[in-house]
C-alpha atoms as a PDB file:
ATOM      1  CA  MET A   1     117.806  58.192  75.980  1.00  0.00           C
ATOM      2  CA  THR A   2     117.536  61.317  73.492  1.00  0.00           C
ATOM      3  CA  GLU A   3     115.209  63.785  74.091  1.00  0.00           C
ATOM      4  CA  GLU A   4     112.265  64.549  71.662  1.00  0.00           C
ATOM      5  CA  THR A   5     112.445  68.707  70.235  1.00  0.00           C
ATOM      6  CA  GLY A   6     109.833  67.506  67.455  1.00  0.00           C
ATOM      7  CA  PRO A   7     106.335  69.663  66.434  1.00  0.00           C
ATOM      8  CA  GLY A   8     104.670  67.383  69.024  1.00  0.00           C
ATOM      9  CA  THR A   9     106.374  68.359  72.136  1.00  0.00           C
ATOM     10  CA  ASP A  10     106.282  72.160  71.451  1.00  0.00           C
ATOM     11  CA  LYS A  11     102.852  71.858  70.623  1.00  0.00           C
ATOM     12  CA  GLY A  12     101.883  70.176  74.158  1.00  0.00           C
ATOM     13  CA  LYS A  13     104.170  72.902  75.761  1.00  0.00           C
ATOM     14  CA  GLU A  14     102.435  75.802  73.957  1.00  0.00           C
ATOM     15  CA  THR A  15      98.752  74.127  74.718  1.00  0.00           C
ATOM     16  CA  ARG A  16      99.704  73.780  78.516  1.00  0.00           C
ATOM     17  CA  LEU A  17     101.274  77.344  78.707  1.00  0.00           C
ATOM     18  CA  PHE A  18      97.725  78.661  77.018  1.00  0.00           C
ATOM     19  CA  LEU A  19      95.953  76.834  79.360  1.00  0.00           C
ATOM     20  CA  PHE A  20      97.577  78.364  82.636  1.00  0.00           C
ATOM     21  CA  LEU A  21      97.362  81.840  81.014  1.00  0.00           C
ATOM     22  CA  VAL A  22      93.582  81.424  80.458  1.00  0.00           C
ATOM     23  CA  ILE A  23      92.486  79.764  83.329  1.00  0.00           C
ATOM     24  CA  CYS A  24      95.215  80.843  85.932  1.00  0.00           C
ATOM     25  CA  LEU A  25      97.074  83.843  85.177  1.00  0.00           C
ATOM     26  CA  PHE A  26      94.635  86.025  83.288  1.00  0.00           C
ATOM     27  CA  PRO A  27      91.340  86.138  86.121  1.00  0.00           C
ATOM     28  CA  LEU A  28      94.006  86.328  88.998  1.00  0.00           C
ATOM     29  CA  LEU A  29      95.487  89.523  87.472  1.00  0.00           C
ATOM     30  CA  SER A  30      92.572  91.396  86.315  1.00  0.00           C
ATOM     31  CA  VAL A  31      91.056  90.459  90.063  1.00  0.00           C
ATOM     32  CA  ALA A  32      94.280  92.145  91.132  1.00  0.00           C
ATOM     33  CA  ILE A  33      94.001  94.762  89.064  1.00  0.00           C
ATOM     34  CA  VAL A  34      90.543  95.925  89.881  1.00  0.00           C
ATOM     35  CA  GLY A  35      91.276  95.079  93.634  1.00  0.00           C
ATOM     36  CA  GLY A  36      93.996  97.157  93.757  1.00  0.00           C
ATOM     37  CA  TYR A  37      92.614 100.018  91.967  1.00  0.00           C
ATOM     38  CA  GLY A  38      89.339  99.848  94.494  1.00  0.00           C
ATOM     39  CA  PHE A  39      91.848  99.927  97.556  1.00  0.00           C
ATOM     40  CA  ILE A  40      93.616 103.178  96.070  1.00  0.00           C
ATOM     41  CA  VAL A  41      90.388 104.849  95.804  1.00  0.00           C
ATOM     42  CA  TRP A  42      89.461 103.636  99.478  1.00  0.00           C
ATOM     43  CA  MET A  43      92.332 104.900 100.888  1.00  0.00           C
ATOM     44  CA  TYR A  44      92.199 108.212  98.875  1.00  0.00           C
ATOM     45  CA  GLN A  45      88.327 109.283 100.126  1.00  0.00           C
ATOM     46  CA  LEU A  46      89.461 107.887 103.203  1.00  0.00           C
ATOM     47  CA  MET A  47      92.102 110.841 103.564  1.00  0.00           C
ATOM     48  CA  VAL A  48      90.374 113.537 100.821  1.00  0.00           C
ATOM     49  CA  GLY A  49      86.474 112.659 101.846  1.00  0.00           C
ATOM     50  CA  PRO A  50      83.953 111.360  99.229  1.00  0.00           C
ATOM     51  CA  PRO A  51      83.348 112.784  96.096  1.00  0.00           C
ATOM     52  CA  GLY A  52      80.606 115.401  95.715  1.00  0.00           C
ATOM     53  CA  PRO A  53      79.725 119.433  96.422  1.00  0.00           C
ATOM     54  CA  PRO A  54      81.507 120.876  98.939  1.00  0.00           C
ATOM     55  CA  SER A  55      79.423 120.797 102.081  1.00  0.00           C
END
């Protein structure tokens, strides 16, 4: 049995990788980045206080 490495198999792998990136990885990564930023801001405001003029 020989393994095919023609353009058809590469195209299929490339399509599956693209779909994985677009459907799974990029949305999860963006949610994690935005959530992480929100968590950092929340912790900062817990320690320093909310923004605004000093009272």
